[in-house]
Amino acid sequence: MERRAITTSTWLGEYLGGWPGVAQVFRLVRERTVGGATTVEVVYGITSLGRVVADAGRLLGLSREHWGIENGL
């Protein structure tokens, strides 16, 4: 079983003003239970996609697709 939760913010984009193209930052928490053992992984990301183009749900989907490609290699 796997559970994912994402938190996004545009505020840090202003803070990172010297970094062109930053529109959002996010924190993704992945919680997996396999064979009775639970692991929690927290990852952070930066994207040039704004909230209008990529809300939290879309960013969650894009992150999942990315790791699907990585794991397929």
N, C-alpha and C. Protein backbone atom coordinates (compact mmCIF):
# COMPACT_ATOMS: atom_id res chain seq x y z
N MET A 1 0.85 -1.17 0.00
CA MET A 1 0.00 0.00 0.00
C MET A 1 0.90 1.23 0.00
N GLU A 2 0.48 2.25 -0.73
CA GLU A 2 1.26 3.48 -0.80
C GLU A 2 0.34 4.68 -0.66
N ARG A 3 0.83 5.67 0.07
CA ARG A 3 0.09 6.93 0.24
C ARG A 3 1.05 8.06 -0.06
N ARG A 4 0.58 9.04 -0.82
CA ARG A 4 1.40 10.20 -1.15
C ARG A 4 0.65 11.47 -0.77
N ALA A 5 1.39 12.43 -0.24
CA ALA A 5 0.81 13.73 0.10
C ALA A 5 1.79 14.79 -0.38
N ILE A 6 1.25 15.82 -1.03
CA ILE A 6 2.11 16.88 -1.57
C ILE A 6 1.65 18.24 -1.02
N THR A 7 2.62 19.07 -0.71
CA THR A 7 2.38 20.44 -0.29
C THR A 7 3.14 21.33 -1.26
N THR A 8 2.46 22.33 -1.82
CA THR A 8 3.11 23.22 -2.79
C THR A 8 3.09 24.65 -2.28
N SER A 9 4.01 25.46 -2.81
CA SER A 9 4.06 26.87 -2.43
C SER A 9 4.66 27.69 -3.58
N THR A 10 4.12 28.86 -3.78
CA THR A 10 4.71 29.80 -4.74
C THR A 10 5.56 30.83 -4.01
N TRP A 11 5.43 30.90 -2.71
CA TRP A 11 6.13 31.91 -1.92
C TRP A 11 7.64 31.81 -2.07
N LEU A 12 8.18 30.62 -2.04
CA LEU A 12 9.63 30.46 -2.13
C LEU A 12 10.16 30.89 -3.49
N GLY A 13 9.32 30.87 -4.52
CA GLY A 13 9.73 31.36 -5.83
C GLY A 13 10.17 32.81 -5.76
N GLU A 14 9.48 33.60 -4.95
CA GLU A 14 9.86 34.99 -4.75
C GLU A 14 11.17 35.07 -3.97
N TYR A 15 11.33 34.21 -2.98
CA TYR A 15 12.54 34.19 -2.18
C TYR A 15 13.76 33.81 -3.02
N LEU A 16 13.55 32.89 -3.96
CA LEU A 16 14.63 32.45 -4.84
C LEU A 16 14.68 33.30 -6.11
N GLY A 17 14.37 34.56 -6.00
CA GLY A 17 14.28 35.47 -7.13
C GLY A 17 15.49 35.46 -8.04
N GLY A 18 16.66 35.15 -7.51
CA GLY A 18 17.85 35.09 -8.33
C GLY A 18 17.92 33.83 -9.18
N TRP A 19 16.97 32.93 -9.00
CA TRP A 19 16.95 31.68 -9.76
C TRP A 19 15.83 31.78 -10.79
N PRO A 20 16.15 32.14 -12.02
CA PRO A 20 15.12 32.38 -13.04
C PRO A 20 14.26 31.15 -13.30
N GLY A 21 12.98 31.38 -13.48
CA GLY A 21 12.08 30.31 -13.87
C GLY A 21 11.43 29.55 -12.73
N VAL A 22 11.80 29.82 -11.48
CA VAL A 22 11.18 29.08 -10.37
C VAL A 22 9.76 29.61 -10.17
N ALA A 23 8.79 28.71 -10.31
CA ALA A 23 7.39 29.11 -10.12
C ALA A 23 6.81 28.52 -8.84
N GLN A 24 7.20 27.27 -8.52
CA GLN A 24 6.69 26.60 -7.33
C GLN A 24 7.76 25.71 -6.73
N VAL A 25 7.60 25.46 -5.46
CA VAL A 25 8.40 24.44 -4.77
C VAL A 25 7.40 23.46 -4.16
N PHE A 26 7.85 22.24 -3.89
CA PHE A 26 6.94 21.29 -3.29
C PHE A 26 7.66 20.33 -2.36
N ARG A 27 6.88 19.78 -1.45
CA ARG A 27 7.34 18.75 -0.51
C ARG A 27 6.42 17.56 -0.70
N LEU A 28 7.01 16.41 -1.03
CA LEU A 28 6.24 15.21 -1.29
C LEU A 28 6.58 14.15 -0.25
N VAL A 29 5.57 13.64 0.43
CA VAL A 29 5.76 12.60 1.44
C VAL A 29 5.18 11.30 0.87
N ARG A 30 6.03 10.28 0.80
CA ARG A 30 5.61 8.96 0.33
C ARG A 30 5.66 7.99 1.50
N GLU A 31 4.54 7.36 1.77
CA GLU A 31 4.47 6.37 2.85
C GLU A 31 4.08 5.03 2.24
N ARG A 32 4.94 4.04 2.41
CA ARG A 32 4.71 2.71 1.84
C ARG A 32 4.67 1.66 2.94
N THR A 33 3.72 0.73 2.79
CA THR A 33 3.65 -0.41 3.70
C THR A 33 3.75 -1.68 2.86
N VAL A 34 4.80 -2.45 3.12
CA VAL A 34 5.02 -3.71 2.41
C VAL A 34 5.35 -4.77 3.46
N GLY A 35 4.57 -5.84 3.47
CA GLY A 35 4.82 -6.92 4.41
C GLY A 35 4.79 -6.49 5.87
N GLY A 36 3.95 -5.52 6.19
CA GLY A 36 3.85 -5.07 7.58
C GLY A 36 4.85 -4.01 7.98
N ALA A 37 5.83 -3.73 7.12
CA ALA A 37 6.84 -2.70 7.42
C ALA A 37 6.49 -1.42 6.68
N THR A 38 6.49 -0.31 7.41
CA THR A 38 6.17 0.98 6.82
C THR A 38 7.42 1.84 6.72
N THR A 39 7.61 2.46 5.55
CA THR A 39 8.70 3.41 5.35
C THR A 39 8.11 4.74 4.91
N VAL A 40 8.77 5.80 5.31
CA VAL A 40 8.34 7.14 4.93
C VAL A 40 9.52 7.84 4.28
N GLU A 41 9.26 8.43 3.12
CA GLU A 41 10.30 9.16 2.38
C GLU A 41 9.77 10.56 2.10
N VAL A 42 10.60 11.55 2.33
CA VAL A 42 10.23 12.94 2.05
C VAL A 42 11.20 13.48 1.01
N VAL A 43 10.63 14.04 -0.08
CA VAL A 43 11.45 14.63 -1.13
C VAL A 43 10.96 16.05 -1.39
N TYR A 44 11.86 16.87 -1.89
CA TYR A 44 11.55 18.26 -2.19
C TYR A 44 11.83 18.51 -3.66
N GLY A 45 11.08 19.42 -4.27
CA GLY A 45 11.28 19.70 -5.68
C GLY A 45 11.03 21.15 -6.01
N ILE A 46 11.54 21.53 -7.17
CA ILE A 46 11.37 22.88 -7.71
C ILE A 46 10.87 22.72 -9.13
N THR A 47 9.92 23.55 -9.52
CA THR A 47 9.39 23.47 -10.87
C THR A 47 9.17 24.86 -11.46
N SER A 48 9.24 24.92 -12.77
CA SER A 48 8.95 26.17 -13.47
C SER A 48 7.47 26.27 -13.83
N LEU A 49 6.70 25.24 -13.51
CA LEU A 49 5.26 25.25 -13.79
C LEU A 49 4.52 26.00 -12.71
N GLY A 50 3.73 26.98 -13.12
CA GLY A 50 2.93 27.75 -12.18
C GLY A 50 1.69 26.99 -11.74
N ARG A 51 0.99 27.52 -10.75
CA ARG A 51 -0.21 26.86 -10.23
C ARG A 51 -1.32 26.74 -11.25
N VAL A 52 -1.41 27.70 -12.16
CA VAL A 52 -2.46 27.64 -13.18
C VAL A 52 -2.25 26.43 -14.08
N VAL A 53 -1.01 26.14 -14.40
CA VAL A 53 -0.67 25.02 -15.28
C VAL A 53 -0.59 23.71 -14.51
N ALA A 54 -0.06 23.75 -13.30
CA ALA A 54 0.15 22.52 -12.52
C ALA A 54 -0.23 22.74 -11.06
N ASP A 55 -1.46 22.37 -10.73
CA ASP A 55 -1.86 22.43 -9.33
C ASP A 55 -1.25 21.25 -8.58
N ALA A 56 -1.57 21.11 -7.32
CA ALA A 56 -0.96 20.05 -6.51
C ALA A 56 -1.22 18.66 -7.09
N GLY A 57 -2.43 18.41 -7.57
CA GLY A 57 -2.76 17.11 -8.14
C GLY A 57 -1.93 16.79 -9.38
N ARG A 58 -1.75 17.78 -10.23
CA ARG A 58 -0.95 17.55 -11.45
C ARG A 58 0.52 17.32 -11.09
N LEU A 59 1.05 18.10 -10.15
CA LEU A 59 2.45 17.90 -9.74
C LEU A 59 2.64 16.50 -9.15
N LEU A 60 1.67 16.03 -8.41
CA LEU A 60 1.75 14.68 -7.85
C LEU A 60 1.80 13.65 -8.97
N GLY A 61 0.96 13.83 -9.98
CA GLY A 61 0.96 12.93 -11.13
C GLY A 61 2.26 12.98 -11.92
N LEU A 62 2.78 14.19 -12.15
CA LEU A 62 4.03 14.33 -12.88
C LEU A 62 5.19 13.69 -12.13
N SER A 63 5.19 13.83 -10.82
CA SER A 63 6.25 13.21 -10.02
C SER A 63 6.18 11.69 -10.13
N ARG A 64 4.99 11.16 -10.09
CA ARG A 64 4.81 9.71 -10.19
C ARG A 64 5.26 9.21 -11.57
N GLU A 65 4.91 9.93 -12.63
CA GLU A 65 5.33 9.57 -13.98
C GLU A 65 6.86 9.59 -14.09
N HIS A 66 7.48 10.61 -13.52
CA HIS A 66 8.94 10.74 -13.57
C HIS A 66 9.61 9.51 -12.98
N TRP A 67 9.16 9.10 -11.79
CA TRP A 67 9.78 7.95 -11.14
C TRP A 67 9.45 6.66 -11.86
N GLY A 68 8.32 6.60 -12.55
CA GLY A 68 8.00 5.43 -13.35
C GLY A 68 9.01 5.26 -14.49
N ILE A 69 9.40 6.37 -15.11
CA ILE A 69 10.39 6.34 -16.17
C ILE A 69 11.76 5.97 -15.59
N GLU A 70 12.14 6.60 -14.48
CA GLU A 70 13.43 6.31 -13.85
C GLU A 70 13.54 4.83 -13.49
N ASN A 71 12.49 4.30 -12.88
CA ASN A 71 12.53 2.89 -12.46
C ASN A 71 12.52 1.94 -13.64
N GLY A 72 11.97 2.36 -14.76
CA GLY A 72 11.93 1.52 -15.96
C GLY A 72 13.27 1.40 -16.64
N LEU A 73 14.18 2.33 -16.33
CA LEU A 73 15.51 2.29 -16.95
C LEU A 73 16.34 1.24 -16.26
